[in-house]
């Protein structure tokens, strides 16, 4: 009798052929791609240079690759998520 084989699903980031690793790309405050990122959750916030920054866990990325985003870089859905569940302060 043979046992059923488990099918392994690839993470969402590997399903797209045009995937770009964020560690290879310079995501600066001037880029527009930061506002288009999907935020899974906010891990923390702090004041950097007089402006509030949030540590965002991006969808499809591990939590170790979370990135700091300024308030003006967040999209409307991310801002709504921020209001519903504010992160702790560091």
PDB file of N, CA and C in Angstrom:
ATOM      1  N   UNK A   1       0.845  -1.174   0.000  1.00  0.00           N
ATOM      2  CA  UNK A   1       0.000   0.000   0.000  1.00  0.00           C
ATOM      3  C   UNK A   1       0.894   1.241   0.000  1.00  0.00           C
ATOM      4  N   UNK A   2       0.627   2.163  -0.895  1.00  0.00           N
ATOM      5  CA  UNK A   2       1.447   3.372  -0.962  1.00  0.00           C
ATOM      6  C   UNK A   2       0.790   4.495  -0.170  1.00  0.00           C
ATOM      7  N   UNK A   3       1.620   5.313   0.394  1.00  0.00           N
ATOM      8  CA  UNK A   3       1.134   6.453   1.180  1.00  0.00           C
ATOM      9  C   UNK A   3       0.925   7.643   0.260  1.00  0.00           C
ATOM     10  N   UNK A   4      -0.040   8.482   0.573  1.00  0.00           N
ATOM     11  CA  UNK A   4      -0.229   9.681  -0.255  1.00  0.00           C
ATOM     12  C   UNK A   4       0.947  10.640  -0.080  1.00  0.00           C
ATOM     13  N   UNK A   5       1.304  11.295  -1.164  1.00  0.00           N
ATOM     14  CA  UNK A   5       2.409  12.252  -1.117  1.00  0.00           C
ATOM     15  C   UNK A   5       1.856  13.643  -0.868  1.00  0.00           C
ATOM     16  N   UNK A   6       2.551  14.367  -0.049  1.00  0.00           N
ATOM     17  CA  UNK A   6       2.144  15.727   0.287  1.00  0.00           C
ATOM     18  C   UNK A   6       2.589  16.674  -0.818  1.00  0.00           C
ATOM     19  N   UNK A   7       1.676  17.480  -1.295  1.00  0.00           N
ATOM     20  CA  UNK A   7       2.052  18.480  -2.291  1.00  0.00           C
ATOM     21  C   UNK A   7       2.474  19.749  -1.565  1.00  0.00           C
ATOM     22  N   UNK A   8       3.587  20.275  -1.976  1.00  0.00           N
ATOM     23  CA  UNK A   8       4.117  21.475  -1.337  1.00  0.00           C
ATOM     24  C   UNK A   8       3.760  22.686  -2.175  1.00  0.00           C
ATOM     25  N   UNK A   9       3.193  23.708  -1.529  1.00  0.00           N
ATOM     26  CA  UNK A   9       2.862  24.946  -2.212  1.00  0.00           C
ATOM     27  C   UNK A   9       4.000  25.940  -2.026  1.00  0.00           C
ATOM     28  N   UNK A  10       4.345  26.618  -3.096  1.00  0.00           N
ATOM     29  CA  UNK A  10       5.365  27.655  -3.017  1.00  0.00           C
ATOM     30  C   UNK A  10       4.796  28.894  -2.344  1.00  0.00           C
ATOM     31  N   UNK A  11       5.636  29.663  -1.633  1.00  0.00           N
ATOM     32  CA  UNK A  11       5.162  30.928  -1.075  1.00  0.00           C
ATOM     33  C   UNK A  11       4.697  31.860  -2.189  1.00  0.00           C
ATOM     34  N   UNK A  12       3.858  32.807  -1.831  1.00  0.00           N
ATOM     35  CA  UNK A  12       3.267  33.719  -2.812  1.00  0.00           C
ATOM     36  C   UNK A  12       4.330  34.481  -3.592  1.00  0.00           C
ATOM     37  N   UNK A  13       5.445  34.809  -2.962  1.00  0.00           N
ATOM     38  CA  UNK A  13       6.461  35.606  -3.654  1.00  0.00           C
ATOM     39  C   UNK A  13       7.146  34.831  -4.775  1.00  0.00           C
ATOM     40  N   UNK A  14       7.131  33.486  -4.726  1.00  0.00           N
ATOM     41  CA  UNK A  14       7.785  32.700  -5.761  1.00  0.00           C
ATOM     42  C   UNK A  14       6.845  32.321  -6.899  1.00  0.00           C
ATOM     43  N   UNK A  15       5.564  32.608  -6.773  1.00  0.00           N
ATOM     44  CA  UNK A  15       4.609  32.290  -7.831  1.00  0.00           C
ATOM     45  C   UNK A  15       4.674  33.301  -8.968  1.00  0.00           C
ATOM     46  N   UNK A  16       5.183  34.483  -8.696  1.00  0.00           N
ATOM     47  CA  UNK A  16       5.285  35.534  -9.704  1.00  0.00           C
ATOM     48  C   UNK A  16       6.648  35.448 -10.385  1.00  0.00           C
ATOM     49  N   UNK A  17       6.653  35.381 -11.713  1.00  0.00           N
ATOM     50  CA  UNK A  17       7.920  35.296 -12.449  1.00  0.00           C
ATOM     51  C   UNK A  17       8.697  36.599 -12.419  1.00  0.00           C
ATOM     52  N   UNK A  18       8.029  37.708 -12.131  1.00  0.00           N
ATOM     53  CA  UNK A  18       8.684  39.014 -12.100  1.00  0.00           C
ATOM     54  C   UNK A  18       9.053  39.427 -10.685  1.00  0.00           C
ATOM     55  N   UNK A  19       9.196  38.470  -9.772  1.00  0.00           N
ATOM     56  CA  UNK A  19       9.479  38.788  -8.371  1.00  0.00           C
ATOM     57  C   UNK A  19      10.856  39.419  -8.229  1.00  0.00           C
ATOM     58  N   UNK A  20      10.923  40.466  -7.407  1.00  0.00           N
ATOM     59  CA  UNK A  20      12.177  41.160  -7.124  1.00  0.00           C
ATOM     60  C   UNK A  20      12.423  41.073  -5.625  1.00  0.00           C
ATOM     61  N   UNK A  21      13.610  40.625  -5.229  1.00  0.00           N
ATOM     62  CA  UNK A  21      13.963  40.575  -3.811  1.00  0.00           C
ATOM     63  C   UNK A  21      14.170  41.999  -3.312  1.00  0.00           C
ATOM     64  N   UNK A  22      13.545  42.349  -2.180  1.00  0.00           N
ATOM     65  CA  UNK A  22      13.677  43.696  -1.648  1.00  0.00           C
ATOM     66  C   UNK A  22      15.098  43.981  -1.178  1.00  0.00           C
ATOM     67  N   UNK A  23      15.853  42.942  -0.825  1.00  0.00           N
ATOM     68  CA  UNK A  23      17.226  43.158  -0.388  1.00  0.00           C
ATOM     69  C   UNK A  23      18.115  43.589  -1.556  1.00  0.00           C
ATOM     70  N   UNK A  24      17.699  43.286  -2.798  1.00  0.00           N
ATOM     71  CA  UNK A  24      18.489  43.648  -3.973  1.00  0.00           C
ATOM     72  C   UNK A  24      18.115  45.021  -4.525  1.00  0.00           C
ATOM     73  N   UNK A  25      17.000  45.570  -4.081  1.00  0.00           N
ATOM     74  CA  UNK A  25      16.495  46.828  -4.614  1.00  0.00           C
ATOM     75  C   UNK A  25      16.592  47.901  -3.546  1.00  0.00           C
ATOM     76  N   UNK A  26      17.010  49.093  -3.947  1.00  0.00           N
ATOM     77  CA  UNK A  26      17.067  50.217  -3.022  1.00  0.00           C
ATOM     78  C   UNK A  26      15.679  50.840  -2.926  1.00  0.00           C
ATOM     79  N   UNK A  27      15.028  50.667  -1.771  1.00  0.00           N
ATOM     80  CA  UNK A  27      13.704  51.255  -1.559  1.00  0.00           C
ATOM     81  C   UNK A  27      13.912  52.497  -0.710  1.00  0.00           C
ATOM     82  N   UNK A  28      13.971  53.642  -1.386  1.00  0.00           N
ATOM     83  CA  UNK A  28      14.189  54.897  -0.683  1.00  0.00           C
ATOM     84  C   UNK A  28      12.867  55.614  -0.498  1.00  0.00           C
ATOM     85  N   UNK A  29      12.889  56.717   0.223  1.00  0.00           N
ATOM     86  CA  UNK A  29      11.658  57.457   0.490  1.00  0.00           C
ATOM     87  C   UNK A  29      11.113  58.120  -0.772  1.00  0.00           C
ATOM     88  N   UNK A  30      11.944  58.286  -1.813  1.00  0.00           N
ATOM     89  CA  UNK A  30      11.477  58.909  -3.044  1.00  0.00           C
ATOM     90  C   UNK A  30      10.750  57.929  -3.960  1.00  0.00           C
ATOM     91  N   UNK A  31      10.931  56.625  -3.739  1.00  0.00           N
ATOM     92  CA  UNK A  31      10.324  55.658  -4.653  1.00  0.00           C
ATOM     93  C   UNK A  31       8.829  55.541  -4.403  1.00  0.00           C
ATOM     94  N   UNK A  32       8.088  55.311  -5.464  1.00  0.00           N
ATOM     95  CA  UNK A  32       6.638  55.175  -5.349  1.00  0.00           C
ATOM     96  C   UNK A  32       6.240  53.741  -5.056  1.00  0.00           C
ATOM     97  N   UNK A  33       7.161  52.792  -5.194  1.00  0.00           N
ATOM     98  CA  UNK A  33       6.815  51.390  -4.981  1.00  0.00           C
ATOM     99  C   UNK A  33       6.508  51.100  -3.512  1.00  0.00           C
ATOM    100  N   UNK A  34       7.025  51.894  -2.599  1.00  0.00           N
ATOM    101  CA  UNK A  34       6.781  51.641  -1.177  1.00  0.00           C
ATOM    102  C   UNK A  34       5.311  51.809  -0.826  1.00  0.00           C
ATOM    103  N   UNK A  35       4.613  52.731  -1.495  1.00  0.00           N
ATOM    104  CA  UNK A  35       3.194  52.919  -1.199  1.00  0.00           C
ATOM    105  C   UNK A  35       2.346  51.819  -1.814  1.00  0.00           C
ATOM    106  N   UNK A  36       2.915  51.040  -2.729  1.00  0.00           N
ATOM    107  CA  UNK A  36       2.174  49.974  -3.376  1.00  0.00           C
ATOM    108  C   UNK A  36       2.387  48.627  -2.706  1.00  0.00           C
ATOM    109  N   UNK A  37       3.209  48.566  -1.676  1.00  0.00           N
ATOM    110  CA  UNK A  37       3.452  47.313  -0.978  1.00  0.00           C
ATOM    111  C   UNK A  37       2.243  46.940  -0.132  1.00  0.00           C
ATOM    112  N   UNK A  38       1.933  45.650  -0.072  1.00  0.00           N
ATOM    113  CA  UNK A  38       0.844  45.183   0.773  1.00  0.00           C
ATOM    114  C   UNK A  38       1.412  44.893   2.156  1.00  0.00           C
ATOM    115  N   UNK A  39       0.842  45.503   3.156  1.00  0.00           N
ATOM    116  CA  UNK A  39       1.312  45.337   4.525  1.00  0.00           C
ATOM    117  C   UNK A  39       0.478  44.262   5.207  1.00  0.00           C
ATOM    118  N   UNK A  40       1.163  43.269   5.753  1.00  0.00           N
ATOM    119  CA  UNK A  40       0.471  42.209   6.481  1.00  0.00           C
ATOM    120  C   UNK A  40       0.100  42.691   7.874  1.00  0.00           C
ATOM    121  N   UNK A  41       1.075  43.298   8.561  1.00  0.00           N
ATOM    122  CA  UNK A  41       0.830  43.873   9.886  1.00  0.00           C
ATOM    123  C   UNK A  41       1.969  44.827  10.225  1.00  0.00           C
ATOM    124  N   UNK A  42       1.707  45.663  11.213  1.00  0.00           N
ATOM    125  CA  UNK A  42       2.720  46.596  11.694  1.00  0.00           C
ATOM    126  C   UNK A  42       3.300  46.042  12.985  1.00  0.00           C
ATOM    127  N   UNK A  43       4.621  45.960  13.039  1.00  0.00           N
ATOM    128  CA  UNK A  43       5.296  45.357  14.183  1.00  0.00           C
ATOM    129  C   UNK A  43       5.656  46.376  15.255  1.00  0.00           C
ATOM    130  N   UNK A  44       5.985  47.612  14.853  1.00  0.00           N
ATOM    131  CA  UNK A  44       6.400  48.637  15.816  1.00  0.00           C
ATOM    132  C   UNK A  44       6.366  50.000  15.136  1.00  0.00           C
ATOM    133  N   UNK A  45       6.487  51.044  15.946  1.00  0.00           N
ATOM    134  CA  UNK A  45       6.663  52.386  15.391  1.00  0.00           C
ATOM    135  C   UNK A  45       7.624  53.166  16.268  1.00  0.00           C
ATOM    136  N   UNK A  46       8.292  54.139  15.657  1.00  0.00           N
ATOM    137  CA  UNK A  46       9.213  55.000  16.390  1.00  0.00           C
ATOM    138  C   UNK A  46       9.345  56.318  15.638  1.00  0.00           C
ATOM    139  N   UNK A  47       9.919  57.299  16.323  1.00  0.00           N
ATOM    140  CA  UNK A  47      10.149  58.615  15.734  1.00  0.00           C
ATOM    141  C   UNK A  47      11.571  58.640  15.179  1.00  0.00           C
ATOM    142  N   UNK A  48      11.686  58.861  13.859  1.00  0.00           N
ATOM    143  CA  UNK A  48      12.999  58.956  13.217  1.00  0.00           C
ATOM    144  C   UNK A  48      13.084  60.315  12.528  1.00  0.00           C
ATOM    145  N   UNK A  49      14.045  61.130  12.928  1.00  0.00           N
ATOM    146  CA  UNK A  49      14.247  62.471  12.355  1.00  0.00           C
ATOM    147  C   UNK A  49      12.992  63.331  12.455  1.00  0.00           C
ATOM    148  N   UNK A  50      12.292  63.226  13.556  1.00  0.00           N
ATOM    149  CA  UNK A  50      11.102  64.040  13.773  1.00  0.00           C
ATOM    150  C   UNK A  50       9.856  63.542  13.061  1.00  0.00           C
ATOM    151  N   UNK A  51       9.952  62.430  12.344  1.00  0.00           N
ATOM    152  CA  UNK A  51       8.803  61.866  11.631  1.00  0.00           C
ATOM    153  C   UNK A  51       8.535  60.461  12.149  1.00  0.00           C
ATOM    154  N   UNK A  52       7.275  60.073  12.143  1.00  0.00           N
ATOM    155  CA  UNK A  52       6.891  58.751  12.627  1.00  0.00           C
ATOM    156  C   UNK A  52       7.152  57.707  11.544  1.00  0.00           C
ATOM    157  N   UNK A  53       7.808  56.608  11.925  1.00  0.00           N
ATOM    158  CA  UNK A  53       8.093  55.505  11.004  1.00  0.00           C
ATOM    159  C   UNK A  53       7.523  54.222  11.594  1.00  0.00           C
ATOM    160  N   UNK A  54       7.088  53.338  10.711  1.00  0.00           N
ATOM    161  CA  UNK A  54       6.464  52.087  11.125  1.00  0.00           C
ATOM    162  C   UNK A  54       7.244  50.909  10.556  1.00  0.00           C
ATOM    163  N   UNK A  55       7.439  49.885  11.386  1.00  0.00           N
ATOM    164  CA  UNK A  55       8.083  48.656  10.941  1.00  0.00           C
ATOM    165  C   UNK A  55       6.989  47.766  10.368  1.00  0.00           C
ATOM    166  N   UNK A  56       6.985  47.605   9.046  1.00  0.00           N
ATOM    167  CA  UNK A  56       5.903  46.911   8.349  1.00  0.00           C
ATOM    168  C   UNK A  56       6.348  45.526   7.898  1.00  0.00           C
ATOM    169  N   UNK A  57       5.522  44.530   8.207  1.00  0.00           N
ATOM    170  CA  UNK A  57       5.716  43.165   7.731  1.00  0.00           C
ATOM    171  C   UNK A  57       4.976  43.070   6.399  1.00  0.00           C
ATOM    172  N   UNK A  58       5.710  42.881   5.315  1.00  0.00           N
ATOM    173  CA  UNK A  58       5.155  42.888   3.965  1.00  0.00           C
ATOM    174  C   UNK A  58       4.606  41.501   3.625  1.00  0.00           C
ATOM    175  N   UNK A  59       3.486  41.459   2.906  1.00  0.00           N
ATOM    176  CA  UNK A  59       2.873  40.197   2.487  1.00  0.00           C
ATOM    177  C   UNK A  59       3.834  39.448   1.566  1.00  0.00           C
ATOM    178  N   UNK A  60       4.022  38.156   1.822  1.00  0.00           N
ATOM    179  CA  UNK A  60       4.896  37.329   1.001  1.00  0.00           C
ATOM    180  C   UNK A  60       6.344  37.344   1.428  1.00  0.00           C
ATOM    181  N   UNK A  61       6.680  38.145   2.416  1.00  0.00           N
ATOM    182  CA  UNK A  61       8.047  38.231   2.924  1.00  0.00           C
ATOM    183  C   UNK A  61       8.085  37.703   4.355  1.00  0.00           C
ATOM    184  N   UNK A  62       9.204  37.120   4.771  1.00  0.00           N
ATOM    185  CA  UNK A  62       9.312  36.724   6.177  1.00  0.00           C
ATOM    186  C   UNK A  62       9.425  37.955   7.078  1.00  0.00           C
ATOM    187  N   UNK A  63       9.097  37.788   8.337  1.00  0.00           N
ATOM    188  CA  UNK A  63       9.123  38.910   9.280  1.00  0.00           C
ATOM    189  C   UNK A  63      10.533  39.479   9.447  1.00  0.00           C
ATOM    190  N   UNK A  64      11.557  38.685   9.170  1.00  0.00           N
ATOM    191  CA  UNK A  64      12.936  39.170   9.281  1.00  0.00           C
ATOM    192  C   UNK A  64      13.231  40.257   8.255  1.00  0.00           C
ATOM    193  N   UNK A  65      12.468  40.307   7.162  1.00  0.00           N
ATOM    194  CA  UNK A  65      12.686  41.308   6.120  1.00  0.00           C
ATOM    195  C   UNK A  65      11.729  42.482   6.237  1.00  0.00           C
ATOM    196  N   UNK A  66      11.183  42.696   7.425  1.00  0.00           N
ATOM    197  CA  UNK A  66      10.289  43.841   7.645  1.00  0.00           C
ATOM    198  C   UNK A  66      11.074  45.126   7.401  1.00  0.00           C
ATOM    199  N   UNK A  67      10.389  46.147   6.902  1.00  0.00           N
ATOM    200  CA  UNK A  67      11.084  47.384   6.560  1.00  0.00           C
ATOM    201  C   UNK A  67      10.413  48.578   7.225  1.00  0.00           C
ATOM    202  N   UNK A  68      11.226  49.597   7.504  1.00  0.00           N
ATOM    203  CA  UNK A  68      10.711  50.828   8.097  1.00  0.00           C
ATOM    204  C   UNK A  68      10.135  51.696   6.991  1.00  0.00           C
ATOM    205  N   UNK A  69       8.882  52.107   7.158  1.00  0.00           N
ATOM    206  CA  UNK A  69       8.210  52.976   6.199  1.00  0.00           C
ATOM    207  C   UNK A  69       7.754  54.241   6.903  1.00  0.00           C
ATOM    208  N   UNK A  70       7.917  55.370   6.227  1.00  0.00           N
ATOM    209  CA  UNK A  70       7.428  56.640   6.762  1.00  0.00           C
ATOM    210  C   UNK A  70       5.911  56.695   6.603  1.00  0.00           C
ATOM    211  N   UNK A  71       5.283  57.592   7.339  1.00  0.00           N
ATOM    212  CA  UNK A  71       3.825  57.703   7.308  1.00  0.00           C
ATOM    213  C   UNK A  71       3.311  58.078   5.913  1.00  0.00           C
ATOM    214  N   UNK A  72       4.051  58.919   5.184  1.00  0.00           N
ATOM    215  CA  UNK A  72       3.607  59.348   3.859  1.00  0.00           C
ATOM    216  C   UNK A  72       3.765  58.253   2.809  1.00  0.00           C
ATOM    217  N   UNK A  73       4.497  57.178   3.120  1.00  0.00           N
ATOM    218  CA  UNK A  73       4.690  56.081   2.180  1.00  0.00           C
ATOM    219  C   UNK A  73       3.577  55.042   2.247  1.00  0.00           C
ATOM    220  N   UNK A  74       2.702  55.149   3.222  1.00  0.00           N
ATOM    221  CA  UNK A  74       1.656  54.152   3.405  1.00  0.00           C
ATOM    222  C   UNK A  74       0.461  54.451   2.513  1.00  0.00           C
ATOM    223  N   UNK A  75      -0.140  53.393   1.987  1.00  0.00           N
ATOM    224  CA  UNK A  75      -1.343  53.527   1.178  1.00  0.00           C
ATOM    225  C   UNK A  75      -2.569  53.644   2.063  1.00  0.00           C
ATOM    226  N   UNK A  76      -3.743  53.863   1.471  1.00  0.00           N
ATOM    227  CA  UNK A  76      -4.966  54.039   2.272  1.00  0.00           C
ATOM    228  C   UNK A  76      -5.359  52.794   3.065  1.00  0.00           C
ATOM    229  N   UNK A  77      -5.148  51.607   2.496  1.00  0.00           N
ATOM    230  CA  UNK A  77      -5.490  50.375   3.221  1.00  0.00           C
ATOM    231  C   UNK A  77      -4.547  50.164   4.402  1.00  0.00           C
ATOM    232  N   UNK A  78      -3.282  50.477   4.201  1.00  0.00           N
ATOM    233  CA  UNK A  78      -2.308  50.330   5.283  1.00  0.00           C
ATOM    234  C   UNK A  78      -2.607  51.314   6.412  1.00  0.00           C
ATOM    235  N   UNK A  79      -3.027  52.536   6.060  1.00  0.00           N
ATOM    236  CA  UNK A  79      -3.377  53.520   7.090  1.00  0.00           C
ATOM    237  C   UNK A  79      -4.610  53.079   7.871  1.00  0.00           C
ATOM    238  N   UNK A  80      -5.570  52.461   7.186  1.00  0.00           N
ATOM    239  CA  UNK A  80      -6.762  51.957   7.874  1.00  0.00           C
ATOM    240  C   UNK A  80      -6.395  50.820   8.819  1.00  0.00           C
ATOM    241  N   UNK A  81      -5.484  49.961   8.389  1.00  0.00           N
ATOM    242  CA  UNK A  81      -5.030  48.859   9.240  1.00  0.00           C
ATOM    243  C   UNK A  81      -4.278  49.401  10.451  1.00  0.00           C
ATOM    244  N   UNK A  82      -3.551  50.481  10.237  1.00  0.00           N
ATOM    245  CA  UNK A  82      -2.791  51.113  11.308  1.00  0.00           C
ATOM    246  C   UNK A  82      -3.718  51.686  12.378  1.00  0.00           C
ATOM    247  N   UNK A  83      -4.834  52.285  11.951  1.00  0.00           N
ATOM    248  CA  UNK A  83      -5.788  52.847  12.910  1.00  0.00           C
ATOM    249  C   UNK A  83      -6.526  51.760  13.680  1.00  0.00           C
ATOM    250  N   UNK A  84      -6.835  50.653  13.007  1.00  0.00           N
ATOM    251  CA  UNK A  84      -7.593  49.594  13.672  1.00  0.00           C
ATOM    252  C   UNK A  84      -6.748  48.827  14.687  1.00  0.00           C
ATOM    253  N   UNK A  85      -5.444  48.711  14.419  1.00  0.00           N
ATOM    254  CA  UNK A  85      -4.571  47.961  15.326  1.00  0.00           C
ATOM    255  C   UNK A  85      -3.210  48.648  15.410  1.00  0.00           C
ATOM    256  N   UNK A  86      -3.081  49.664  16.264  1.00  0.00           N
ATOM    257  CA  UNK A  86      -1.805  50.393  16.347  1.00  0.00           C
ATOM    258  C   UNK A  86      -0.682  49.525  16.927  1.00  0.00           C
ATOM    259  N   UNK A  87       0.534  49.679  16.400  1.00  0.00           N
ATOM    260  CA  UNK A  87       1.666  48.882  16.880  1.00  0.00           C
ATOM    261  C   UNK A  87       2.264  49.465  18.158  1.00  0.00           C
ATOM    262  N   UNK A  88       3.047  48.657  18.883  1.00  0.00           N
ATOM    263  CA  UNK A  88       3.720  49.182  20.078  1.00  0.00           C
ATOM    264  C   UNK A  88       4.859  50.119  19.698  1.00  0.00           C
ATOM    265  N   UNK A  89       5.217  51.000  20.619  1.00  0.00           N
ATOM    266  CA  UNK A  89       6.300  51.951  20.377  1.00  0.00           C
ATOM    267  C   UNK A  89       7.615  51.352  20.844  1.00  0.00           C
ATOM    268  N   UNK A  90       8.665  51.597  20.074  1.00  0.00           N
ATOM    269  CA  UNK A  90      10.008  51.126  20.457  1.00  0.00           C
ATOM    270  C   UNK A  90      10.728  52.260  21.146  1.00  0.00           C
TER     271      UNK A  90
END
